[in-house]
Amino acid sequence: EIPENASVIDVGTGAGFPSVPLKLYRPDIKLTLLDSLNKRIIFLDSL
């Protein structure tokens, strides 16, 4: 269960899984992406 307009943090998101596809499917989600590798963060910002 993910309530409408839920705030979601994806911990160790890597290439954005599962939360970026989830955000595309459920645009109401308020998304935060966390990763320890800056190269992945650069990818996610651009994505």
ModelCIF file with pLDDT and N, C-alpha, C, O atoms, coordinates in Angstrom:
data_MODEL
#
_entry.id   MODEL 
#
_entity.id                         1 
_entity.type                       polymer 
_entity.pdbx_number_of_molecules   1 
#
_entity_poly.entity_id                      1 
_entity_poly.type                           'polypeptide(L)' 
_entity_poly.nstd_linkage                   no 
_entity_poly.nstd_monomer                   no 
_entity_poly.pdbx_seq_one_letter_code       EIPENASVIDVGTGAGFPSVPLKLYRPDIKLTLLDSLNKRIIFLDSL 
_entity_poly.pdbx_seq_one_letter_code_can   EIPENASVIDVGTGAGFPSVPLKLYRPDIKLTLLDSLNKRIIFLDSL 
_entity_poly.pdbx_strand_id                 A 
#
loop_
_entity_poly_seq.entity_id 
_entity_poly_seq.num 
_entity_poly_seq.mon_id 
_entity_poly_seq.hetero 
1 1  GLU n 
1 2  ILE n 
1 3  PRO n 
1 4  GLU n 
1 5  ASN n 
1 6  ALA n 
1 7  SER n 
1 8  VAL n 
1 9  ILE n 
1 10 ASP n 
1 11 VAL n 
1 12 GLY n 
1 13 THR n 
1 14 GLY n 
1 15 ALA n 
1 16 GLY n 
1 17 PHE n 
1 18 PRO n 
1 19 SER n 
1 20 VAL n 
1 21 PRO n 
1 22 LEU n 
1 23 LYS n 
1 24 LEU n 
1 25 TYR n 
1 26 ARG n 
1 27 PRO n 
1 28 ASP n 
1 29 ILE n 
1 30 LYS n 
1 31 LEU n 
1 32 THR n 
1 33 LEU n 
1 34 LEU n 
1 35 ASP n 
1 36 SER n 
1 37 LEU n 
1 38 ASN n 
1 39 LYS n 
1 40 ARG n 
1 41 ILE n 
1 42 ILE n 
1 43 PHE n 
1 44 LEU n 
1 45 ASP n 
1 46 SER n 
1 47 LEU n 
#
_struct_asym.id          A 
_struct_asym.entity_id   1 
#
loop_
_ma_qa_metric.id 
_ma_qa_metric.mode 
_ma_qa_metric.name 
_ma_qa_metric.software_group_id 
_ma_qa_metric.type 
1 global pLDDT . pLDDT 
2 local  pLDDT . pLDDT 
#
_ma_qa_metric_global.metric_id      1 
_ma_qa_metric_global.metric_value   97.11 
_ma_qa_metric_global.model_id       1 
_ma_qa_metric_global.ordinal_id     1 
#
loop_
_ma_qa_metric_local.label_asym_id 
_ma_qa_metric_local.label_comp_id 
_ma_qa_metric_local.label_seq_id 
_ma_qa_metric_local.metric_id 
_ma_qa_metric_local.metric_value 
_ma_qa_metric_local.model_id 
_ma_qa_metric_local.ordinal_id 
A GLU 1  2 94.00 1 1  
A ILE 2  2 97.00 1 2  
A PRO 3  2 97.00 1 3  
A GLU 4  2 97.00 1 4  
A ASN 5  2 98.00 1 5  
A ALA 6  2 98.00 1 6  
A SER 7  2 98.00 1 7  
A VAL 8  2 98.00 1 8  
A ILE 9  2 98.00 1 9  
A ASP 10 2 98.00 1 10 
A VAL 11 2 97.00 1 11 
A GLY 12 2 95.00 1 12 
A THR 13 2 96.00 1 13 
A GLY 14 2 95.00 1 14 
A ALA 15 2 96.00 1 15 
A GLY 16 2 97.00 1 16 
A PHE 17 2 97.00 1 17 
A PRO 18 2 97.00 1 18 
A SER 19 2 96.00 1 19 
A VAL 20 2 98.00 1 20 
A PRO 21 2 98.00 1 21 
A LEU 22 2 98.00 1 22 
A LYS 23 2 98.00 1 23 
A LEU 24 2 98.00 1 24 
A TYR 25 2 98.00 1 25 
A ARG 26 2 97.00 1 26 
A PRO 27 2 97.00 1 27 
A ASP 28 2 98.00 1 28 
A ILE 29 2 98.00 1 29 
A LYS 30 2 98.00 1 30 
A LEU 31 2 98.00 1 31 
A THR 32 2 98.00 1 32 
A LEU 33 2 98.00 1 33 
A LEU 34 2 98.00 1 34 
A ASP 35 2 97.00 1 35 
A SER 36 2 95.00 1 36 
A LEU 37 2 95.00 1 37 
A ASN 38 2 96.00 1 38 
A LYS 39 2 95.00 1 39 
A ARG 40 2 96.00 1 40 
A ILE 41 2 97.00 1 41 
A ILE 42 2 97.00 1 42 
A PHE 43 2 97.00 1 43 
A LEU 44 2 98.00 1 44 
A ASP 45 2 98.00 1 45 
A SER 46 2 98.00 1 46 
A LEU 47 2 98.00 1 47 
#
loop_
_atom_site.group_PDB 
_atom_site.id 
_atom_site.type_symbol 
_atom_site.label_atom_id 
_atom_site.label_alt_id 
_atom_site.label_comp_id 
_atom_site.label_asym_id 
_atom_site.label_entity_id 
_atom_site.label_seq_id 
_atom_site.pdbx_PDB_ins_code 
_atom_site.Cartn_x 
_atom_site.Cartn_y 
_atom_site.Cartn_z 
_atom_site.occupancy 
_atom_site.B_iso_or_equiv 
_atom_site.pdbx_formal_charge 
_atom_site.auth_seq_id 
_atom_site.auth_comp_id 
_atom_site.auth_asym_id 
_atom_site.auth_atom_id 
_atom_site.pdbx_PDB_model_num 
ATOM 1   N N  . GLU A 1 1  ? 0.842  -1.202 0.000   1.00 94.00 ? 1  GLU A N  1 
ATOM 2   C CA . GLU A 1 1  ? 0.000  0.000  0.000   1.00 94.00 ? 1  GLU A CA 1 
ATOM 3   C C  . GLU A 1 1  ? 0.879  1.255  0.000   1.00 94.00 ? 1  GLU A C  1 
ATOM 4   O O  . GLU A 1 1  ? 1.688  1.460  0.904   1.00 94.00 ? 1  GLU A O  1 
ATOM 5   N N  . ILE A 1 2  ? 0.707  2.075  -1.012  1.00 97.00 ? 2  ILE A N  1 
ATOM 6   C CA . ILE A 1 2  ? 1.397  3.362  -1.082  1.00 97.00 ? 2  ILE A CA 1 
ATOM 7   C C  . ILE A 1 2  ? 0.328  4.436  -1.211  1.00 97.00 ? 2  ILE A C  1 
ATOM 8   O O  . ILE A 1 2  ? -0.236 4.612  -2.291  1.00 97.00 ? 2  ILE A O  1 
ATOM 9   N N  . PRO A 1 3  ? 0.037  5.160  -0.128  1.00 97.00 ? 3  PRO A N  1 
ATOM 10  C CA . PRO A 1 3  ? -1.062 6.127  -0.145  1.00 97.00 ? 3  PRO A CA 1 
ATOM 11  C C  . PRO A 1 3  ? -0.863 7.214  -1.203  1.00 97.00 ? 3  PRO A C  1 
ATOM 12  O O  . PRO A 1 3  ? 0.259  7.482  -1.634  1.00 97.00 ? 3  PRO A O  1 
ATOM 13  N N  . GLU A 1 4  ? -1.956 7.825  -1.605  1.00 97.00 ? 4  GLU A N  1 
ATOM 14  C CA . GLU A 1 4  ? -1.883 8.934  -2.567  1.00 97.00 ? 4  GLU A CA 1 
ATOM 15  C C  . GLU A 1 4  ? -1.053 10.076 -1.972  1.00 97.00 ? 4  GLU A C  1 
ATOM 16  O O  . GLU A 1 4  ? -1.192 10.421 -0.799  1.00 97.00 ? 4  GLU A O  1 
ATOM 17  N N  . ASN A 1 5  ? -0.191 10.649 -2.807  1.00 98.00 ? 5  ASN A N  1 
ATOM 18  C CA . ASN A 1 5  ? 0.693  11.765 -2.423  1.00 98.00 ? 5  ASN A CA 1 
ATOM 19  C C  . ASN A 1 5  ? 1.708  11.375 -1.338  1.00 98.00 ? 5  ASN A C  1 
ATOM 20  O O  . ASN A 1 5  ? 2.222  12.237 -0.626  1.00 98.00 ? 5  ASN A O  1 
ATOM 21  N N  . ALA A 1 6  ? 1.987  10.095 -1.220  1.00 98.00 ? 6  ALA A N  1 
ATOM 22  C CA . ALA A 1 6  ? 2.943  9.639  -0.210  1.00 98.00 ? 6  ALA A CA 1 
ATOM 23  C C  . ALA A 1 6  ? 4.350  10.167 -0.504  1.00 98.00 ? 6  ALA A C  1 
ATOM 24  O O  . ALA A 1 6  ? 4.758  10.289 -1.659  1.00 98.00 ? 6  ALA A O  1 
ATOM 25  N N  . SER A 1 7  ? 5.071  10.474 0.563   1.00 98.00 ? 7  SER A N  1 
ATOM 26  C CA . SER A 1 7  ? 6.493  10.808 0.433   1.00 98.00 ? 7  SER A CA 1 
ATOM 27  C C  . SER A 1 7  ? 7.274  9.504  0.504   1.00 98.00 ? 7  SER A C  1 
ATOM 28  O O  . SER A 1 7  ? 7.132  8.731  1.452   1.00 98.00 ? 7  SER A O  1 
ATOM 29  N N  . VAL A 1 8  ? 8.104  9.268  -0.515  1.00 98.00 ? 8  VAL A N  1 
ATOM 30  C CA . VAL A 1 8  ? 8.814  7.995  -0.655  1.00 98.00 ? 8  VAL A CA 1 
ATOM 31  C C  . VAL A 1 8  ? 10.312 8.261  -0.769  1.00 98.00 ? 8  VAL A C  1 
ATOM 32  O O  . VAL A 1 8  ? 10.737 9.088  -1.575  1.00 98.00 ? 8  VAL A O  1 
ATOM 33  N N  . ILE A 1 9  ? 11.109 7.565  0.034   1.00 98.00 ? 9  ILE A N  1 
ATOM 34  C CA . ILE A 1 9  ? 12.562 7.616  -0.126  1.00 98.00 ? 9  ILE A CA 1 
ATOM 35  C C  . ILE A 1 9  ? 13.040 6.236  -0.565  1.00 98.00 ? 9  ILE A C  1 
ATOM 36  O O  . ILE A 1 9  ? 12.702 5.220  0.042   1.00 98.00 ? 9  ILE A O  1 
ATOM 37  N N  . ASP A 1 10 ? 13.830 6.224  -1.629  1.00 98.00 ? 10 ASP A N  1 
ATOM 38  C CA . ASP A 1 10 ? 14.406 4.997  -2.163  1.00 98.00 ? 10 ASP A CA 1 
ATOM 39  C C  . ASP A 1 10 ? 15.863 4.946  -1.702  1.00 98.00 ? 10 ASP A C  1 
ATOM 40  O O  . ASP A 1 10 ? 16.696 5.731  -2.153  1.00 98.00 ? 10 ASP A O  1 
ATOM 41  N N  . VAL A 1 11 ? 16.154 4.014  -0.803  1.00 97.00 ? 11 VAL A N  1 
ATOM 42  C CA . VAL A 1 11 ? 17.455 3.950  -0.133  1.00 97.00 ? 11 VAL A CA 1 
ATOM 43  C C  . VAL A 1 11 ? 18.402 3.035  -0.920  1.00 97.00 ? 11 VAL A C  1 
ATOM 44  O O  . VAL A 1 11 ? 18.106 1.862  -1.150  1.00 97.00 ? 11 VAL A O  1 
ATOM 45  N N  . GLY A 1 12 ? 19.547 3.600  -1.328  1.00 95.00 ? 12 GLY A N  1 
ATOM 46  C CA . GLY A 1 12 ? 20.473 2.846  -2.171  1.00 95.00 ? 12 GLY A CA 1 
ATOM 47  C C  . GLY A 1 12 ? 19.868 2.589  -3.535  1.00 95.00 ? 12 GLY A C  1 
ATOM 48  O O  . GLY A 1 12 ? 19.892 1.465  -4.038  1.00 95.00 ? 12 GLY A O  1 
ATOM 49  N N  . THR A 1 13 ? 19.331 3.631  -4.124  1.00 96.00 ? 13 THR A N  1 
ATOM 50  C CA . THR A 1 13 ? 18.498 3.503  -5.325  1.00 96.00 ? 13 THR A CA 1 
ATOM 51  C C  . THR A 1 13 ? 19.244 3.049  -6.566  1.00 96.00 ? 13 THR A C  1 
ATOM 52  O O  . THR A 1 13 ? 18.631 2.499  -7.481  1.00 96.00 ? 13 THR A O  1 
ATOM 53  N N  . GLY A 1 14 ? 20.568 3.268  -6.624  1.00 95.00 ? 14 GLY A N  1 
ATOM 54  C CA . GLY A 1 14 ? 21.324 2.818  -7.794  1.00 95.00 ? 14 GLY A CA 1 
ATOM 55  C C  . GLY A 1 14 ? 20.886 3.532  -9.059  1.00 95.00 ? 14 GLY A C  1 
ATOM 56  O O  . GLY A 1 14 ? 21.047 4.746  -9.187  1.00 95.00 ? 14 GLY A O  1 
ATOM 57  N N  . ALA A 1 15 ? 20.331 2.770  -9.995  1.00 96.00 ? 15 ALA A N  1 
ATOM 58  C CA . ALA A 1 15 ? 19.876 3.342  -11.263 1.00 96.00 ? 15 ALA A CA 1 
ATOM 59  C C  . ALA A 1 15 ? 18.426 3.810  -11.204 1.00 96.00 ? 15 ALA A C  1 
ATOM 60  O O  . ALA A 1 15 ? 17.816 4.088  -12.237 1.00 96.00 ? 15 ALA A O  1 
ATOM 61  N N  . GLY A 1 16 ? 17.875 3.898  -9.987  1.00 97.00 ? 16 GLY A N  1 
ATOM 62  C CA . GLY A 1 16 ? 16.525 4.430  -9.825  1.00 97.00 ? 16 GLY A CA 1 
ATOM 63  C C  . GLY A 1 16 ? 15.455 3.388  -9.603  1.00 97.00 ? 16 GLY A C  1 
ATOM 64  O O  . GLY A 1 16 ? 14.266 3.670  -9.756  1.00 97.00 ? 16 GLY A O  1 
ATOM 65  N N  . PHE A 1 17 ? 15.871 2.167  -9.239  1.00 97.00 ? 17 PHE A N  1 
ATOM 66  C CA . PHE A 1 17 ? 14.893 1.091  -9.036  1.00 97.00 ? 17 PHE A CA 1 
ATOM 67  C C  . PHE A 1 17 ? 14.711 0.815  -7.551  1.00 97.00 ? 17 PHE A C  1 
ATOM 68  O O  . PHE A 1 17 ? 15.695 0.696  -6.821  1.00 97.00 ? 17 PHE A O  1 
ATOM 69  N N  . PRO A 1 18 ? 13.464 0.713  -7.093  1.00 97.00 ? 18 PRO A N  1 
ATOM 70  C CA . PRO A 1 18 ? 12.222 0.667  -7.862  1.00 97.00 ? 18 PRO A CA 1 
ATOM 71  C C  . PRO A 1 18 ? 11.529 2.005  -8.077  1.00 97.00 ? 18 PRO A C  1 
ATOM 72  O O  . PRO A 1 18 ? 10.515 2.055  -8.773  1.00 97.00 ? 18 PRO A O  1 
ATOM 73  N N  . SER A 1 19 ? 12.033 3.076  -7.512  1.00 96.00 ? 19 SER A N  1 
ATOM 74  C CA . SER A 1 19 ? 11.178 4.250  -7.330  1.00 96.00 ? 19 SER A CA 1 
ATOM 75  C C  . SER A 1 19 ? 10.949 5.120  -8.561  1.00 96.00 ? 19 SER A C  1 
ATOM 76  O O  . SER A 1 19 ? 9.898  5.752  -8.662  1.00 96.00 ? 19 SER A O  1 
ATOM 77  N N  . VAL A 1 20 ? 11.893 5.176  -9.502  1.00 98.00 ? 20 VAL A N  1 
ATOM 78  C CA . VAL A 1 20 ? 11.656 6.024  -10.677 1.00 98.00 ? 20 VAL A CA 1 
ATOM 79  C C  . VAL A 1 20 ? 10.571 5.434  -11.578 1.00 98.00 ? 20 VAL A C  1 
ATOM 80  O O  . VAL A 1 20 ? 9.679  6.176  -11.989 1.00 98.00 ? 20 VAL A O  1 
ATOM 81  N N  . PRO A 1 21 ? 10.597 4.129  -11.910 1.00 98.00 ? 21 PRO A N  1 
ATOM 82  C CA . PRO A 1 21 ? 9.447  3.575  -12.625 1.00 98.00 ? 21 PRO A CA 1 
ATOM 83  C C  . PRO A 1 21 ? 8.138  3.743  -11.846 1.00 98.00 ? 21 PRO A C  1 
ATOM 84  O O  . PRO A 1 21 ? 7.082  3.975  -12.434 1.00 98.00 ? 21 PRO A O  1 
ATOM 85  N N  . LEU A 1 22 ? 8.222  3.623  -10.534 1.00 98.00 ? 22 LEU A N  1 
ATOM 86  C CA . LEU A 1 22 ? 7.046  3.809  -9.682  1.00 98.00 ? 22 LEU A CA 1 
ATOM 87  C C  . LEU A 1 22 ? 6.504  5.233  -9.800  1.00 98.00 ? 22 LEU A C  1 
ATOM 88  O O  . LEU A 1 22 ? 5.292  5.435  -9.881  1.00 98.00 ? 22 LEU A O  1 
ATOM 89  N N  . LYS A 1 23 ? 7.391  6.205  -9.807  1.00 98.00 ? 23 LYS A N  1 
ATOM 90  C CA . LYS A 1 23 ? 6.998  7.613  -9.955  1.00 98.00 ? 23 LYS A CA 1 
ATOM 91  C C  . LYS A 1 23 ? 6.363  7.863  -11.326 1.00 98.00 ? 23 LYS A C  1 
ATOM 92  O O  . LYS A 1 23 ? 5.413  8.638  -11.439 1.00 98.00 ? 23 LYS A O  1 
ATOM 93  N N  . LEU A 1 24 ? 6.883  7.212  -12.361 1.00 98.00 ? 24 LEU A N  1 
ATOM 94  C CA . LEU A 1 24 ? 6.284  7.357  -13.690 1.00 98.00 ? 24 LEU A CA 1 
ATOM 95  C C  . LEU A 1 24 ? 4.882  6.748  -13.720 1.00 98.00 ? 24 LEU A C  1 
ATOM 96  O O  . LEU A 1 24 ? 3.990  7.266  -14.392 1.00 98.00 ? 24 LEU A O  1 
ATOM 97  N N  . TYR A 1 25 ? 4.694  5.663  -13.000 1.00 98.00 ? 25 TYR A N  1 
ATOM 98  C CA . TYR A 1 25 ? 3.392  4.997  -12.957 1.00 98.00 ? 25 TYR A CA 1 
ATOM 99  C C  . TYR A 1 25 ? 2.434  5.699  -12.001 1.00 98.00 ? 25 TYR A C  1 
ATOM 100 O O  . TYR A 1 25 ? 1.224  5.729  -12.226 1.00 98.00 ? 25 TYR A O  1 
ATOM 101 N N  . ARG A 1 26 ? 2.992  6.263  -10.934 1.00 97.00 ? 26 ARG A N  1 
ATOM 102 C CA . ARG A 1 26 ? 2.205  6.973  -9.915  1.00 97.00 ? 26 ARG A CA 1 
ATOM 103 C C  . ARG A 1 26 ? 2.777  8.370  -9.728  1.00 97.00 ? 26 ARG A C  1 
ATOM 104 O O  . ARG A 1 26 ? 3.532  8.601  -8.784  1.00 97.00 ? 26 ARG A O  1 
ATOM 105 N N  . PRO A 1 27 ? 2.432  9.311  -10.613 1.00 97.00 ? 27 PRO A N  1 
ATOM 106 C CA . PRO A 1 27 ? 3.022  10.660 -10.560 1.00 97.00 ? 27 PRO A CA 1 
ATOM 107 C C  . PRO A 1 27 ? 2.738  11.410 -9.264  1.00 97.00 ? 27 PRO A C  1 
ATOM 108 O O  . PRO A 1 27 ? 3.429  12.381 -8.955  1.00 97.00 ? 27 PRO A O  1 
ATOM 109 N N  . ASP A 1 28 ? 1.730  10.977 -8.493  1.00 98.00 ? 28 ASP A N  1 
ATOM 110 C CA . ASP A 1 28 ? 1.388  11.671 -7.250  1.00 98.00 ? 28 ASP A CA 1 
ATOM 111 C C  . ASP A 1 28 ? 2.462  11.514 -6.176  1.00 98.00 ? 28 ASP A C  1 
ATOM 112 O O  . ASP A 1 28 ? 2.528  12.316 -5.245  1.00 98.00 ? 28 ASP A O  1 
ATOM 113 N N  . ILE A 1 29 ? 3.304  10.485 -6.300  1.00 98.00 ? 29 ILE A N  1 
ATOM 114 C CA . ILE A 1 29 ? 4.321  10.206 -5.275  1.00 98.00 ? 29 ILE A CA 1 
ATOM 115 C C  . ILE A 1 29 ? 5.336  11.345 -5.197  1.00 98.00 ? 29 ILE A C  1 
ATOM 116 O O  . ILE A 1 29 ? 5.782  11.864 -6.220  1.00 98.00 ? 29 ILE A O  1 
ATOM 117 N N  . LYS A 1 30 ? 5.694  11.724 -3.975  1.00 98.00 ? 30 LYS A N  1 
ATOM 118 C CA . LYS A 1 30 ? 6.755  12.722 -3.743  1.00 98.00 ? 30 LYS A CA 1 
ATOM 119 C C  . LYS A 1 30 ? 8.046  11.937 -3.481  1.00 98.00 ? 30 LYS A C  1 
ATOM 120 O O  . LYS A 1 30 ? 8.178  11.260 -2.462  1.00 98.00 ? 30 LYS A O  1 
ATOM 121 N N  . LEU A 1 31 ? 8.987  12.040 -4.412  1.00 98.00 ? 31 LEU A N  1 
ATOM 122 C CA . LEU A 1 31 ? 10.101 11.105 -4.452  1.00 98.00 ? 31 LEU A CA 1 
ATOM 123 C C  . LEU A 1 31 ? 11.424 11.707 -3.991  1.00 98.00 ? 31 LEU A C  1 
ATOM 124 O O  . LEU A 1 31 ? 11.776 12.829 -4.356  1.00 98.00 ? 31 LEU A O  1 
ATOM 125 N N  . THR A 1 32 ? 12.147 10.937 -3.181  1.00 98.00 ? 32 THR A N  1 
ATOM 126 C CA . THR A 1 32 ? 13.522 11.248 -2.798  1.00 98.00 ? 32 THR A CA 1 
ATOM 127 C C  . THR A 1 32 ? 14.395 10.040 -3.113  1.00 98.00 ? 32 THR A C  1 
ATOM 128 O O  . THR A 1 32 ? 14.056 8.909  -2.766  1.00 98.00 ? 32 THR A O  1 
ATOM 129 N N  . LEU A 1 33 ? 15.527 10.291 -3.778  1.00 98.00 ? 33 LEU A N  1 
ATOM 130 C CA . LEU A 1 33 ? 16.444 9.236  -4.201  1.00 98.00 ? 33 LEU A CA 1 
ATOM 131 C C  . LEU A 1 33 ? 17.757 9.385  -3.448  1.00 98.00 ? 33 LEU A C  1 
ATOM 132 O O  . LEU A 1 33 ? 18.378 10.447 -3.486  1.00 98.00 ? 33 LEU A O  1 
ATOM 133 N N  . LEU A 1 34 ? 18.182 8.330  -2.766  1.00 98.00 ? 34 LEU A N  1 
ATOM 134 C CA . LEU A 1 34 ? 19.416 8.385  -1.983  1.00 98.00 ? 34 LEU A CA 1 
ATOM 135 C C  . LEU A 1 34 ? 20.392 7.332  -2.483  1.00 98.00 ? 34 LEU A C  1 
ATOM 136 O O  . LEU A 1 34 ? 20.037 6.166  -2.656  1.00 98.00 ? 34 LEU A O  1 
ATOM 137 N N  . ASP A 1 35 ? 21.635 7.766  -2.714  1.00 97.00 ? 35 ASP A N  1 
ATOM 138 C CA . ASP A 1 35 ? 22.684 6.817  -3.083  1.00 97.00 ? 35 ASP A CA 1 
ATOM 139 C C  . ASP A 1 35 ? 24.035 7.362  -2.614  1.00 97.00 ? 35 ASP A C  1 
ATOM 140 O O  . ASP A 1 35 ? 24.250 8.572  -2.544  1.00 97.00 ? 35 ASP A O  1 
ATOM 141 N N  . SER A 1 36 ? 24.929 6.438  -2.300  1.00 95.00 ? 36 SER A N  1 
ATOM 142 C CA . SER A 1 36 ? 26.239 6.832  -1.764  1.00 95.00 ? 36 SER A CA 1 
ATOM 143 C C  . SER A 1 36 ? 27.251 7.158  -2.853  1.00 95.00 ? 36 SER A C  1 
ATOM 144 O O  . SER A 1 36 ? 28.304 7.726  -2.565  1.00 95.00 ? 36 SER A O  1 
ATOM 145 N N  . LEU A 1 37 ? 26.947 6.805  -4.109  1.00 95.00 ? 37 LEU A N  1 
ATOM 146 C CA . LEU A 1 37 ? 27.886 7.041  -5.211  1.00 95.00 ? 37 LEU A CA 1 
ATOM 147 C C  . LEU A 1 37 ? 27.449 8.250  -6.032  1.00 95.00 ? 37 LEU A C  1 
ATOM 148 O O  . LEU A 1 37 ? 26.361 8.251  -6.608  1.00 95.00 ? 37 LEU A O  1 
ATOM 149 N N  . ASN A 1 38 ? 28.290 9.271  -6.088  1.00 96.00 ? 38 ASN A N  1 
ATOM 150 C CA . ASN A 1 38 ? 27.907 10.506 -6.759  1.00 96.00 ? 38 ASN A CA 1 
ATOM 151 C C  . ASN A 1 38 ? 27.667 10.317 -8.257  1.00 96.00 ? 38 ASN A C  1 
ATOM 152 O O  . ASN A 1 38 ? 26.847 11.019 -8.847  1.00 96.00 ? 38 ASN A O  1 
ATOM 153 N N  . LYS A 1 39 ? 28.385 9.365  -8.878  1.00 95.00 ? 39 LYS A N  1 
ATOM 154 C CA . LYS A 1 39 ? 28.167 9.116  -10.305 1.00 95.00 ? 39 LYS A CA 1 
ATOM 155 C C  . LYS A 1 39 ? 26.735 8.671  -10.571 1.00 95.00 ? 39 LYS A C  1 
ATOM 156 O O  . LYS A 1 39 ? 26.159 8.997  -11.609 1.00 95.00 ? 39 LYS A O  1 
ATOM 157 N N  . ARG A 1 40 ? 26.168 7.932  -9.637  1.00 96.00 ? 40 ARG A N  1 
ATOM 158 C CA . ARG A 1 40 ? 24.772 7.514  -9.796  1.00 96.00 ? 40 ARG A CA 1 
ATOM 159 C C  . ARG A 1 40 ? 23.830 8.696  -9.589  1.00 96.00 ? 40 ARG A C  1 
ATOM 160 O O  . ARG A 1 40 ? 22.819 8.814  -10.281 1.00 96.00 ? 40 ARG A O  1 
ATOM 161 N N  . ILE A 1 41 ? 24.154 9.561  -8.651  1.00 97.00 ? 41 ILE A N  1 
ATOM 162 C CA . ILE A 1 41 ? 23.324 10.743 -8.410  1.00 97.00 ? 41 ILE A CA 1 
ATOM 163 C C  . ILE A 1 41 ? 23.317 11.646 -9.638  1.00 97.00 ? 41 ILE A C  1 
ATOM 164 O O  . ILE A 1 41 ? 22.272 12.183 -10.006 1.00 97.00 ? 41 ILE A O  1 
ATOM 165 N N  . ILE A 1 42 ? 24.467 11.815 -10.271 1.00 97.00 ? 42 ILE A N  1 
ATOM 166 C CA . ILE A 1 42 ? 24.548 12.610 -11.508 1.00 97.00 ? 42 ILE A CA 1 
ATOM 167 C C  . ILE A 1 42 ? 23.646 11.987 -12.577 1.00 97.00 ? 42 ILE A C  1 
ATOM 168 O O  . ILE A 1 42 ? 22.913 12.697 -13.266 1.00 97.00 ? 42 ILE A O  1 
ATOM 169 N N  . PHE A 1 43 ? 23.702 10.664 -12.710 1.00 97.00 ? 43 PHE A N  1 
ATOM 170 C CA . PHE A 1 43 ? 22.819 9.966  -13.652 1.00 97.00 ? 43 PHE A CA 1 
ATOM 171 C C  . PHE A 1 43 ? 21.354 10.227 -13.321 1.00 97.00 ? 43 PHE A C  1 
ATOM 172 O O  . PHE A 1 43 ? 20.563 10.538 -14.210 1.00 97.00 ? 43 PHE A O  1 
ATOM 173 N N  . LEU A 1 44 ? 20.993 10.103 -12.055 1.00 98.00 ? 44 LEU A N  1 
ATOM 174 C CA . LEU A 1 44 ? 19.592 10.256 -11.649 1.00 98.00 ? 44 LEU A CA 1 
ATOM 175 C C  . LEU A 1 44 ? 19.081 11.676 -11.873 1.00 98.00 ? 44 LEU A C  1 
ATOM 176 O O  . LEU A 1 44 ? 17.943 11.865 -12.303 1.00 98.00 ? 44 LEU A O  1 
ATOM 177 N N  . ASP A 1 45 ? 19.912 12.671 -11.585 1.00 98.00 ? 45 ASP A N  1 
ATOM 178 C CA . ASP A 1 45 ? 19.518 14.060 -11.843 1.00 98.00 ? 45 ASP A CA 1 
ATOM 179 C C  . ASP A 1 45 ? 19.230 14.272 -13.326 1.00 98.00 ? 45 ASP A C  1 
ATOM 180 O O  . ASP A 1 45 ? 18.225 14.878 -13.698 1.00 98.00 ? 45 ASP A O  1 
ATOM 181 N N  . SER A 1 46 ? 20.122 13.766 -14.157 1.00 98.00 ? 46 SER A N  1 
ATOM 182 C CA . SER A 1 46 ? 19.952 13.899 -15.602 1.00 98.00 ? 46 SER A CA 1 
ATOM 183 C C  . SER A 1 46 ? 18.742 13.098 -16.084 1.00 98.00 ? 46 SER A C  1 
ATOM 184 O O  . SER A 1 46 ? 17.987 13.565 -16.936 1.00 98.00 ? 46 SER A O  1 
ATOM 185 N N  . LEU A 1 47 ? 18.559 11.902 -15.544 1.00 98.00 ? 47 LEU A N  1 
ATOM 186 C CA . LEU A 1 47 ? 17.423 11.063 -15.913 1.00 98.00 ? 47 LEU A CA 1 
ATOM 187 C C  . LEU A 1 47 ? 16.097 11.743 -15.592 1.00 98.00 ? 47 LEU A C  1 
ATOM 188 O O  . LEU A 1 47 ? 15.035 11.172 -15.840 1.00 98.00 ? 47 LEU A O  1 
#
